[in-house]
Amino acid sequence: WIQVYERSGSTLFQGELTSGQTYQVPATASAPLLRTGKPEALSVKVGTANAPAIGPAATTVRDVSLLGPDLMRGPAAALNP
Protein backbone atom coordinates (compact mmCIF):
# COMPACT_ATOMS: atom_id res chain seq x y z
CA TRP A 1 0.00 0.00 0.00
CA ILE A 2 1.05 3.56 -0.55
CA GLN A 3 -0.21 6.95 0.41
CA VAL A 4 0.87 10.00 -1.56
CA TYR A 5 -0.03 13.27 0.06
CA GLU A 6 0.84 16.94 0.07
CA ARG A 7 2.82 18.42 2.94
CA SER A 8 -0.34 20.44 3.65
CA GLY A 9 -2.13 17.17 4.44
CA SER A 10 -4.35 16.55 1.41
CA THR A 11 -4.19 13.00 0.04
CA LEU A 12 -3.38 12.61 -3.65
CA PHE A 13 -3.57 8.78 -3.73
CA GLN A 14 -4.05 6.02 -1.22
CA GLY A 15 -4.30 2.34 -1.99
CA GLU A 16 -2.56 -0.82 -3.07
CA LEU A 17 -0.71 -1.10 -6.34
CA THR A 18 -0.64 -4.46 -8.10
CA SER A 19 2.55 -5.80 -9.64
CA GLY A 20 3.38 -3.68 -12.68
CA GLN A 21 0.87 -0.97 -11.83
CA THR A 22 2.16 2.59 -11.77
CA TYR A 23 1.21 5.84 -10.12
CA GLN A 24 2.45 9.16 -11.43
CA VAL A 25 2.55 12.11 -9.06
CA PRO A 26 0.50 14.94 -10.60
CA ALA A 27 2.59 17.76 -12.06
CA THR A 28 0.49 20.17 -10.00
CA ALA A 29 1.68 18.66 -6.70
CA SER A 30 3.82 21.20 -4.86
CA ALA A 31 5.35 19.15 -2.02
CA PRO A 32 4.33 15.50 -2.51
CA LEU A 33 5.25 13.00 0.20
CA LEU A 34 5.07 9.21 0.37
CA ARG A 35 4.18 6.73 3.09
CA THR A 36 4.47 2.99 2.52
CA GLY A 37 4.86 -0.16 4.56
CA LYS A 38 6.98 -2.08 2.06
CA PRO A 39 9.47 0.25 0.37
CA GLU A 40 11.44 -2.64 -1.14
CA ALA A 41 8.44 -3.43 -3.36
CA LEU A 42 8.52 -0.03 -5.07
CA SER A 43 10.45 0.91 -8.16
CA VAL A 44 10.66 4.70 -8.26
CA LYS A 45 11.58 6.60 -11.40
CA VAL A 46 12.39 10.25 -11.91
CA GLY A 47 11.83 10.81 -15.60
CA THR A 48 13.51 7.76 -17.12
CA ALA A 49 16.12 7.35 -14.34
CA ASN A 50 15.72 4.82 -11.55
CA ALA A 51 15.86 6.46 -8.12
CA PRO A 52 17.72 4.81 -5.22
CA ALA A 53 15.68 2.75 -2.75
CA ILE A 54 13.44 4.94 -0.62
CA GLY A 55 14.05 3.07 2.61
CA PRO A 56 15.07 -0.17 4.29
CA ALA A 57 13.08 -3.32 3.59
CA ALA A 58 10.14 -4.31 5.79
CA THR A 59 9.80 -0.91 7.46
CA THR A 60 7.17 1.78 7.26
CA VAL A 61 8.61 4.94 5.76
CA ARG A 62 6.76 8.23 5.90
CA ASP A 63 7.26 11.81 4.82
CA VAL A 64 9.52 10.73 1.92
CA SER A 65 9.77 13.66 -0.46
CA LEU A 66 8.69 12.72 -3.97
CA LEU A 67 10.38 15.72 -5.55
CA GLY A 68 12.80 14.48 -8.22
CA PRO A 69 16.00 16.03 -6.81
CA ASP A 70 15.24 14.67 -3.32
CA LEU A 71 14.58 11.16 -4.62
CA MET A 72 17.79 11.09 -6.66
CA ARG A 73 19.89 12.03 -3.60
CA GLY A 74 18.78 8.82 -1.88
CA PRO A 75 16.90 7.85 1.25
CA ALA A 76 18.62 10.14 3.76
CA ALA A 77 17.75 13.21 1.67
CA ALA A 78 14.29 11.95 0.79
CA LEU A 79 13.43 11.32 4.43
CA ASN A 80 14.63 14.75 5.51
CA PRO A 81 13.61 17.28 2.84
PDB file of N, CA and C in Angstrom:
ATOM      1  N   TRP A   1       0.841  -1.174   0.000  1.00  0.00           N
ATOM      2  CA  TRP A   1       0.000   0.000   0.000  1.00  0.00           C
ATOM      3  C   TRP A   1       0.886   1.236   0.000  1.00  0.00           C
ATOM      4  N   ILE A   2       0.367   2.277  -0.576  1.00  0.00           N
ATOM      5  CA  ILE A   2       1.054   3.558  -0.548  1.00  0.00           C
ATOM      6  C   ILE A   2       0.044   4.659  -0.270  1.00  0.00           C
ATOM      7  N   GLN A   3       0.557   5.719   0.276  1.00  0.00           N
ATOM      8  CA  GLN A   3      -0.211   6.949   0.413  1.00  0.00           C
ATOM      9  C   GLN A   3       0.680   8.061  -0.103  1.00  0.00           C
ATOM     10  N   VAL A   4       0.166   8.827  -1.038  1.00  0.00           N
ATOM     11  CA  VAL A   4       0.866   9.997  -1.562  1.00  0.00           C
ATOM     12  C   VAL A   4       0.044  11.199  -1.136  1.00  0.00           C
ATOM     13  N   TYR A   5       0.690  12.139  -0.504  1.00  0.00           N
ATOM     14  CA  TYR A   5      -0.028  13.274   0.061  1.00  0.00           C
ATOM     15  C   TYR A   5       0.825  14.529  -0.039  1.00  0.00           C
ATOM     16  N   GLU A   6       0.161  15.650   0.066  1.00  0.00           N
ATOM     17  CA  GLU A   6       0.845  16.940   0.068  1.00  0.00           C
ATOM     18  C   GLU A   6       1.290  17.253   1.498  1.00  0.00           C
ATOM     19  N   ARG A   7       2.347  18.001   1.626  1.00  0.00           N
ATOM     20  CA  ARG A   7       2.823  18.417   2.941  1.00  0.00           C
ATOM     21  C   ARG A   7       1.696  19.108   3.718  1.00  0.00           C
ATOM     22  N   SER A   8       0.791  19.758   3.009  1.00  0.00           N
ATOM     23  CA  SER A   8      -0.336  20.443   3.647  1.00  0.00           C
ATOM     24  C   SER A   8      -1.353  19.468   4.235  1.00  0.00           C
ATOM     25  N   GLY A   9      -1.251  18.185   3.874  1.00  0.00           N
ATOM     26  CA  GLY A   9      -2.130  17.174   4.438  1.00  0.00           C
ATOM     27  C   GLY A   9      -3.120  16.542   3.487  1.00  0.00           C
ATOM     28  N   SER A  10      -3.371  17.134   2.331  1.00  0.00           N
ATOM     29  CA  SER A  10      -4.354  16.552   1.411  1.00  0.00           C
ATOM     30  C   SER A  10      -3.780  15.299   0.733  1.00  0.00           C
ATOM     31  N   THR A  11      -4.610  14.261   0.631  1.00  0.00           N
ATOM     32  CA  THR A  11      -4.195  12.997   0.037  1.00  0.00           C
ATOM     33  C   THR A  11      -4.378  13.045  -1.475  1.00  0.00           C
ATOM     34  N   LEU A  12      -3.326  12.676  -2.194  1.00  0.00           N
ATOM     35  CA  LEU A  12      -3.377  12.605  -3.654  1.00  0.00           C
ATOM     36  C   LEU A  12      -3.753  11.198  -4.123  1.00  0.00           C
ATOM     37  N   PHE A  13      -3.271  10.180  -3.406  1.00  0.00           N
ATOM     38  CA  PHE A  13      -3.571   8.784  -3.735  1.00  0.00           C
ATOM     39  C   PHE A  13      -3.358   7.956  -2.484  1.00  0.00           C
ATOM     40  N   GLN A  14      -4.227   6.973  -2.306  1.00  0.00           N
ATOM     41  CA  GLN A  14      -4.054   6.021  -1.223  1.00  0.00           C
ATOM     42  C   GLN A  14      -4.608   4.702  -1.692  1.00  0.00           C
ATOM     43  N   GLY A  15      -3.812   3.645  -1.583  1.00  0.00           N
ATOM     44  CA  GLY A  15      -4.301   2.337  -1.985  1.00  0.00           C
ATOM     45  C   GLY A  15      -3.164   1.372  -2.254  1.00  0.00           C
ATOM     46  N   GLU A  16      -3.526   0.207  -2.730  1.00  0.00           N
ATOM     47  CA  GLU A  16      -2.556  -0.821  -3.066  1.00  0.00           C
ATOM     48  C   GLU A  16      -2.308  -0.802  -4.566  1.00  0.00           C
ATOM     49  N   LEU A  17      -1.063  -0.979  -4.932  1.00  0.00           N
ATOM     50  CA  LEU A  17      -0.706  -1.105  -6.340  1.00  0.00           C
ATOM     51  C   LEU A  17      -0.429  -2.574  -6.615  1.00  0.00           C
ATOM     52  N   THR A  18      -0.936  -3.084  -7.715  1.00  0.00           N
ATOM     53  CA  THR A  18      -0.638  -4.457  -8.102  1.00  0.00           C
ATOM     54  C   THR A  18       0.696  -4.486  -8.837  1.00  0.00           C
ATOM     55  N   SER A  19       1.280  -5.649  -8.952  1.00  0.00           N
ATOM     56  CA  SER A  19       2.555  -5.796  -9.639  1.00  0.00           C
ATOM     57  C   SER A  19       2.456  -5.208 -11.044  1.00  0.00           C
ATOM     58  N   GLY A  20       3.367  -4.312 -11.364  1.00  0.00           N
ATOM     59  CA  GLY A  20       3.383  -3.680 -12.677  1.00  0.00           C
ATOM     60  C   GLY A  20       2.541  -2.425 -12.789  1.00  0.00           C
ATOM     61  N   GLN A  21       1.695  -2.180 -11.812  1.00  0.00           N
ATOM     62  CA  GLN A  21       0.866  -0.969 -11.833  1.00  0.00           C
ATOM     63  C   GLN A  21       1.728   0.234 -11.470  1.00  0.00           C
ATOM     64  N   THR A  22       1.398   1.382 -12.043  1.00  0.00           N
ATOM     65  CA  THR A  22       2.160   2.594 -11.772  1.00  0.00           C
ATOM     66  C   THR A  22       1.255   3.693 -11.229  1.00  0.00           C
ATOM     67  N   TYR A  23       1.890   4.628 -10.564  1.00  0.00           N
ATOM     68  CA  TYR A  23       1.210   5.840 -10.117  1.00  0.00           C
ATOM     69  C   TYR A  23       2.158   6.989 -10.429  1.00  0.00           C
ATOM     70  N   GLN A  24       1.644   7.988 -11.096  1.00  0.00           N
ATOM     71  CA  GLN A  24       2.448   9.158 -11.431  1.00  0.00           C
ATOM     72  C   GLN A  24       1.964  10.330 -10.589  1.00  0.00           C
ATOM     73  N   VAL A  25       2.894  10.951  -9.884  1.00  0.00           N
ATOM     74  CA  VAL A  25       2.554  12.115  -9.064  1.00  0.00           C
ATOM     75  C   VAL A  25       2.101  13.230 -10.006  1.00  0.00           C
ATOM     76  N   PRO A  26       0.974  13.861  -9.725  1.00  0.00           N
ATOM     77  CA  PRO A  26       0.500  14.936 -10.597  1.00  0.00           C
ATOM     78  C   PRO A  26       1.520  16.080 -10.684  1.00  0.00           C
ATOM     79  N   ALA A  27       1.655  16.642 -11.854  1.00  0.00           N
ATOM     80  CA  ALA A  27       2.587  17.756 -12.062  1.00  0.00           C
ATOM     81  C   ALA A  27       2.202  18.962 -11.214  1.00  0.00           C
ATOM     82  N   THR A  28       0.953  19.034 -10.803  1.00  0.00           N
ATOM     83  CA  THR A  28       0.486  20.166 -10.003  1.00  0.00           C
ATOM     84  C   THR A  28       0.816  20.021  -8.517  1.00  0.00           C
ATOM     85  N   ALA A  29       1.336  18.869  -8.106  1.00  0.00           N
ATOM     86  CA  ALA A  29       1.681  18.660  -6.698  1.00  0.00           C
ATOM     87  C   ALA A  29       2.864  19.552  -6.330  1.00  0.00           C
ATOM     88  N   SER A  30       2.750  20.267  -5.225  1.00  0.00           N
ATOM     89  CA  SER A  30       3.819  21.201  -4.862  1.00  0.00           C
ATOM     90  C   SER A  30       4.850  20.589  -3.917  1.00  0.00           C
ATOM     91  N   ALA A  31       4.430  19.769  -2.971  1.00  0.00           N
ATOM     92  CA  ALA A  31       5.354  19.148  -2.020  1.00  0.00           C
ATOM     93  C   ALA A  31       4.859  17.734  -1.704  1.00  0.00           C
ATOM     94  N   PRO A  32       4.868  16.836  -2.712  1.00  0.00           N
ATOM     95  CA  PRO A  32       4.325  15.497  -2.505  1.00  0.00           C
ATOM     96  C   PRO A  32       5.215  14.640  -1.606  1.00  0.00           C
ATOM     97  N   LEU A  33       4.564  13.884  -0.730  1.00  0.00           N
ATOM     98  CA  LEU A  33       5.249  12.996   0.200  1.00  0.00           C
ATOM     99  C   LEU A  33       4.675  11.594   0.063  1.00  0.00           C
ATOM    100  N   LEU A  34       5.456  10.609   0.484  1.00  0.00           N
ATOM    101  CA  LEU A  34       5.067   9.208   0.370  1.00  0.00           C
ATOM    102  C   LEU A  34       5.122   8.530   1.725  1.00  0.00           C
ATOM    103  N   ARG A  35       4.171   7.633   1.942  1.00  0.00           N
ATOM    104  CA  ARG A  35       4.185   6.729   3.085  1.00  0.00           C
ATOM    105  C   ARG A  35       3.898   5.343   2.538  1.00  0.00           C
ATOM    106  N   THR A  36       4.690   4.365   2.955  1.00  0.00           N
ATOM    107  CA  THR A  36       4.467   2.986   2.519  1.00  0.00           C
ATOM    108  C   THR A  36       5.005   2.023   3.562  1.00  0.00           C
ATOM    109  N   GLY A  37       4.437   0.854   3.607  1.00  0.00           N
ATOM    110  CA  GLY A  37       4.861  -0.157   4.559  1.00  0.00           C
ATOM    111  C   GLY A  37       5.813  -1.182   3.980  1.00  0.00           C
ATOM    112  N   LYS A  38       6.100  -1.093   2.697  1.00  0.00           N
ATOM    113  CA  LYS A  38       6.977  -2.077   2.060  1.00  0.00           C
ATOM    114  C   LYS A  38       7.800  -1.381   0.969  1.00  0.00           C
ATOM    115  N   PRO A  39       8.742  -0.529   1.367  1.00  0.00           N
ATOM    116  CA  PRO A  39       9.474   0.255   0.369  1.00  0.00           C
ATOM    117  C   PRO A  39      10.265  -0.587  -0.631  1.00  0.00           C
ATOM    118  N   GLU A  40      10.663  -1.794  -0.227  1.00  0.00           N
ATOM    119  CA  GLU A  40      11.438  -2.636  -1.137  1.00  0.00           C
ATOM    120  C   GLU A  40      10.618  -3.108  -2.333  1.00  0.00           C
ATOM    121  N   ALA A  41       9.306  -2.991  -2.262  1.00  0.00           N
ATOM    122  CA  ALA A  41       8.438  -3.434  -3.360  1.00  0.00           C
ATOM    123  C   ALA A  41       8.234  -2.352  -4.414  1.00  0.00           C
ATOM    124  N   LEU A  42       8.730  -1.143  -4.139  1.00  0.00           N
ATOM    125  CA  LEU A  42       8.516  -0.035  -5.072  1.00  0.00           C
ATOM    126  C   LEU A  42       9.722   0.190  -5.962  1.00  0.00           C
ATOM    127  N   SER A  43       9.438   0.469  -7.204  1.00  0.00           N
ATOM    128  CA  SER A  43      10.447   0.908  -8.156  1.00  0.00           C
ATOM    129  C   SER A  43      10.094   2.356  -8.486  1.00  0.00           C
ATOM    130  N   VAL A  44      10.956   3.276  -8.091  1.00  0.00           N
ATOM    131  CA  VAL A  44      10.664   4.698  -8.264  1.00  0.00           C
ATOM    132  C   VAL A  44      11.514   5.250  -9.391  1.00  0.00           C
ATOM    133  N   LYS A  45      10.866   5.977 -10.288  1.00  0.00           N
ATOM    134  CA  LYS A  45      11.581   6.604 -11.405  1.00  0.00           C
ATOM    135  C   LYS A  45      11.388   8.107 -11.351  1.00  0.00           C
ATOM    136  N   VAL A  46      12.437   8.799 -11.727  1.00  0.00           N
ATOM    137  CA  VAL A  46      12.393  10.253 -11.911  1.00  0.00           C
ATOM    138  C   VAL A  46      12.706  10.458 -13.387  1.00  0.00           C
ATOM    139  N   GLY A  47      11.668  10.796 -14.142  1.00  0.00           N
ATOM    140  CA  GLY A  47      11.826  10.812 -15.599  1.00  0.00           C
ATOM    141  C   GLY A  47      12.054   9.379 -16.047  1.00  0.00           C
ATOM    142  N   THR A  48      13.182   9.121 -16.708  1.00  0.00           N
ATOM    143  CA  THR A  48      13.514   7.759 -17.123  1.00  0.00           C
ATOM    144  C   THR A  48      14.569   7.123 -16.232  1.00  0.00           C
ATOM    145  N   ALA A  49      15.072   7.860 -15.233  1.00  0.00           N
ATOM    146  CA  ALA A  49      16.115   7.347 -14.343  1.00  0.00           C
ATOM    147  C   ALA A  49      15.512   6.634 -13.140  1.00  0.00           C
ATOM    148  N   ASN A  50      16.131   5.523 -12.749  1.00  0.00           N
ATOM    149  CA  ASN A  50      15.721   4.816 -11.546  1.00  0.00           C
ATOM    150  C   ASN A  50      16.281   5.534 -10.328  1.00  0.00           C
ATOM    151  N   ALA A  51      15.427   5.823  -9.363  1.00  0.00           N
ATOM    152  CA  ALA A  51      15.856   6.459  -8.118  1.00  0.00           C
ATOM    153  C   ALA A  51      16.382   5.387  -7.167  1.00  0.00           C
ATOM    154  N   PRO A  52      17.265   5.769  -6.239  1.00  0.00           N
ATOM    155  CA  PRO A  52      17.720   4.808  -5.225  1.00  0.00           C
ATOM    156  C   PRO A  52      16.533   4.341  -4.377  1.00  0.00           C
ATOM    157  N   ALA A  53      16.724   3.262  -3.648  1.00  0.00           N
ATOM    158  CA  ALA A  53      15.684   2.749  -2.752  1.00  0.00           C
ATOM    159  C   ALA A  53      15.245   3.852  -1.800  1.00  0.00           C
ATOM    160  N   ILE A  54      13.960   3.863  -1.469  1.00  0.00           N
ATOM    161  CA  ILE A  54      13.443   4.935  -0.618  1.00  0.00           C
ATOM    162  C   ILE A  54      13.517   4.621   0.866  1.00  0.00           C
ATOM    163  N   GLY A  55      13.928   3.419   1.206  1.00  0.00           N
ATOM    164  CA  GLY A  55      14.048   3.066   2.611  1.00  0.00           C
ATOM    165  C   GLY A  55      14.404   1.609   2.784  1.00  0.00           C
ATOM    166  N   PRO A  56      14.717   1.227   4.016  1.00  0.00           N
ATOM    167  CA  PRO A  56      15.067  -0.167   4.285  1.00  0.00           C
ATOM    168  C   PRO A  56      13.861  -1.098   4.135  1.00  0.00           C
ATOM    169  N   ALA A  57      14.136  -2.330   3.784  1.00  0.00           N
ATOM    170  CA  ALA A  57      13.078  -3.321   3.594  1.00  0.00           C
ATOM    171  C   ALA A  57      12.298  -3.559   4.883  1.00  0.00           C
ATOM    172  N   ALA A  58      11.022  -3.903   4.696  1.00  0.00           N
ATOM    173  CA  ALA A  58      10.135  -4.306   5.794  1.00  0.00           C
ATOM    174  C   ALA A  58      10.004  -3.256   6.890  1.00  0.00           C
ATOM    175  N   THR A  59      10.023  -1.992   6.500  1.00  0.00           N
ATOM    176  CA  THR A  59       9.798  -0.912   7.459  1.00  0.00           C
ATOM    177  C   THR A  59       8.763   0.040   6.874  1.00  0.00           C
ATOM    178  N   THR A  60       8.074   0.743   7.725  1.00  0.00           N
ATOM    179  CA  THR A  60       7.170   1.781   7.255  1.00  0.00           C
ATOM    180  C   THR A  60       7.968   3.068   7.145  1.00  0.00           C
ATOM    181  N   VAL A  61       7.953   3.646   5.960  1.00  0.00           N
ATOM    182  CA  VAL A  61       8.606   4.938   5.759  1.00  0.00           C
ATOM    183  C   VAL A  61       7.517   5.970   5.552  1.00  0.00           C
ATOM    184  N   ARG A  62       7.757   7.167   6.050  1.00  0.00           N
ATOM    185  CA  ARG A  62       6.759   8.234   5.902  1.00  0.00           C
ATOM    186  C   ARG A  62       7.483   9.541   5.659  1.00  0.00           C
ATOM    187  N   ASP A  63       6.741  10.475   5.104  1.00  0.00           N
ATOM    188  CA  ASP A  63       7.263  11.807   4.816  1.00  0.00           C
ATOM    189  C   ASP A  63       8.465  11.767   3.873  1.00  0.00           C
ATOM    190  N   VAL A  64       8.462  10.815   2.940  1.00  0.00           N
ATOM    191  CA  VAL A  64       9.515  10.729   1.923  1.00  0.00           C
ATOM    192  C   VAL A  64       9.155  11.714   0.815  1.00  0.00           C
ATOM    193  N   SER A  65      10.015  12.683   0.594  1.00  0.00           N
ATOM    194  CA  SER A  65       9.773  13.661  -0.460  1.00  0.00           C
ATOM    195  C   SER A  65       9.779  12.980  -1.819  1.00  0.00           C
ATOM    196  N   LEU A  66       8.763  13.266  -2.617  1.00  0.00           N
ATOM    197  CA  LEU A  66       8.693  12.721  -3.969  1.00  0.00           C
ATOM    198  C   LEU A  66       9.132  13.738  -5.022  1.00  0.00           C
ATOM    199  N   LEU A  67       9.792  14.786  -4.593  1.00  0.00           N
ATOM    200  CA  LEU A  67      10.382  15.723  -5.549  1.00  0.00           C
ATOM    201  C   LEU A  67      11.603  15.058  -6.171  1.00  0.00           C
ATOM    202  N   GLY A  68      11.733  15.154  -7.487  1.00  0.00           N
ATOM    203  CA  GLY A  68      12.803  14.479  -8.217  1.00  0.00           C
ATOM    204  C   GLY A  68      14.184  14.642  -7.617  1.00  0.00           C
ATOM    205  N   PRO A  69      14.647  15.867  -7.353  1.00  0.00           N
ATOM    206  CA  PRO A  69      15.998  16.026  -6.809  1.00  0.00           C
ATOM    207  C   PRO A  69      16.175  15.326  -5.453  1.00  0.00           C
ATOM    208  N   ASP A  70      15.154  15.344  -4.621  1.00  0.00           N
ATOM    209  CA  ASP A  70      15.244  14.670  -3.318  1.00  0.00           C
ATOM    210  C   ASP A  70      15.351  13.161  -3.492  1.00  0.00           C
ATOM    211  N   LEU A  71      14.544  12.601  -4.387  1.00  0.00           N
ATOM    212  CA  LEU A  71      14.579  11.161  -4.623  1.00  0.00           C
ATOM    213  C   LEU A  71      15.934  10.709  -5.160  1.00  0.00           C
ATOM    214  N   MET A  72      16.517  11.486  -6.040  1.00  0.00           N
ATOM    215  CA  MET A  72      17.790  11.093  -6.657  1.00  0.00           C
ATOM    216  C   MET A  72      18.967  11.200  -5.687  1.00  0.00           C
ATOM    217  N   ARG A  73      18.820  11.957  -4.606  1.00  0.00           N
ATOM    218  CA  ARG A  73      19.890  12.029  -3.599  1.00  0.00           C
ATOM    219  C   ARG A  73      19.885  10.815  -2.670  1.00  0.00           C
ATOM    220  N   GLY A  74      18.826  10.036  -2.689  1.00  0.00           N
ATOM    221  CA  GLY A  74      18.785   8.824  -1.880  1.00  0.00           C
ATOM    222  C   GLY A  74      17.945   8.962  -0.632  1.00  0.00           C
ATOM    223  N   PRO A  75      17.838   7.889   0.138  1.00  0.00           N
ATOM    224  CA  PRO A  75      16.900   7.851   1.250  1.00  0.00           C
ATOM    225  C   PRO A  75      17.156   8.876   2.341  1.00  0.00           C
ATOM    226  N   ALA A  76      18.374   9.160   2.685  1.00  0.00           N
ATOM    227  CA  ALA A  76      18.619  10.139   3.755  1.00  0.00           C
ATOM    228  C   ALA A  76      18.069  11.503   3.368  1.00  0.00           C
ATOM    229  N   ALA A  77      18.275  11.915   2.129  1.00  0.00           N
ATOM    230  CA  ALA A  77      17.749  13.211   1.672  1.00  0.00           C
ATOM    231  C   ALA A  77      16.241  13.163   1.541  1.00  0.00           C
ATOM    232  N   ALA A  78      15.729  12.056   1.011  1.00  0.00           N
ATOM    233  CA  ALA A  78      14.291  11.945   0.792  1.00  0.00           C
ATOM    234  C   ALA A  78      13.522  11.936   2.096  1.00  0.00           C
ATOM    235  N   LEU A  79      14.110  11.388   3.148  1.00  0.00           N
ATOM    236  CA  LEU A  79      13.428  11.323   4.428  1.00  0.00           C
ATOM    237  C   LEU A  79      13.537  12.627   5.209  1.00  0.00           C
ATOM    238  N   ASN A  80      14.429  13.498   4.800  1.00  0.00           N
ATOM    239  CA  ASN A  80      14.629  14.753   5.513  1.00  0.00           C
ATOM    240  C   ASN A  80      14.699  15.926   4.536  1.00  0.00           C
ATOM    241  N   PRO A  81      13.573  16.220   3.868  1.00  0.00           N
ATOM    242  CA  PRO A  81      13.608  17.279   2.836  1.00  0.00           C
ATOM    243  C   PRO A  81      13.853  18.659   3.436  1.00  0.00           C
TER     244      PRO A  81
END
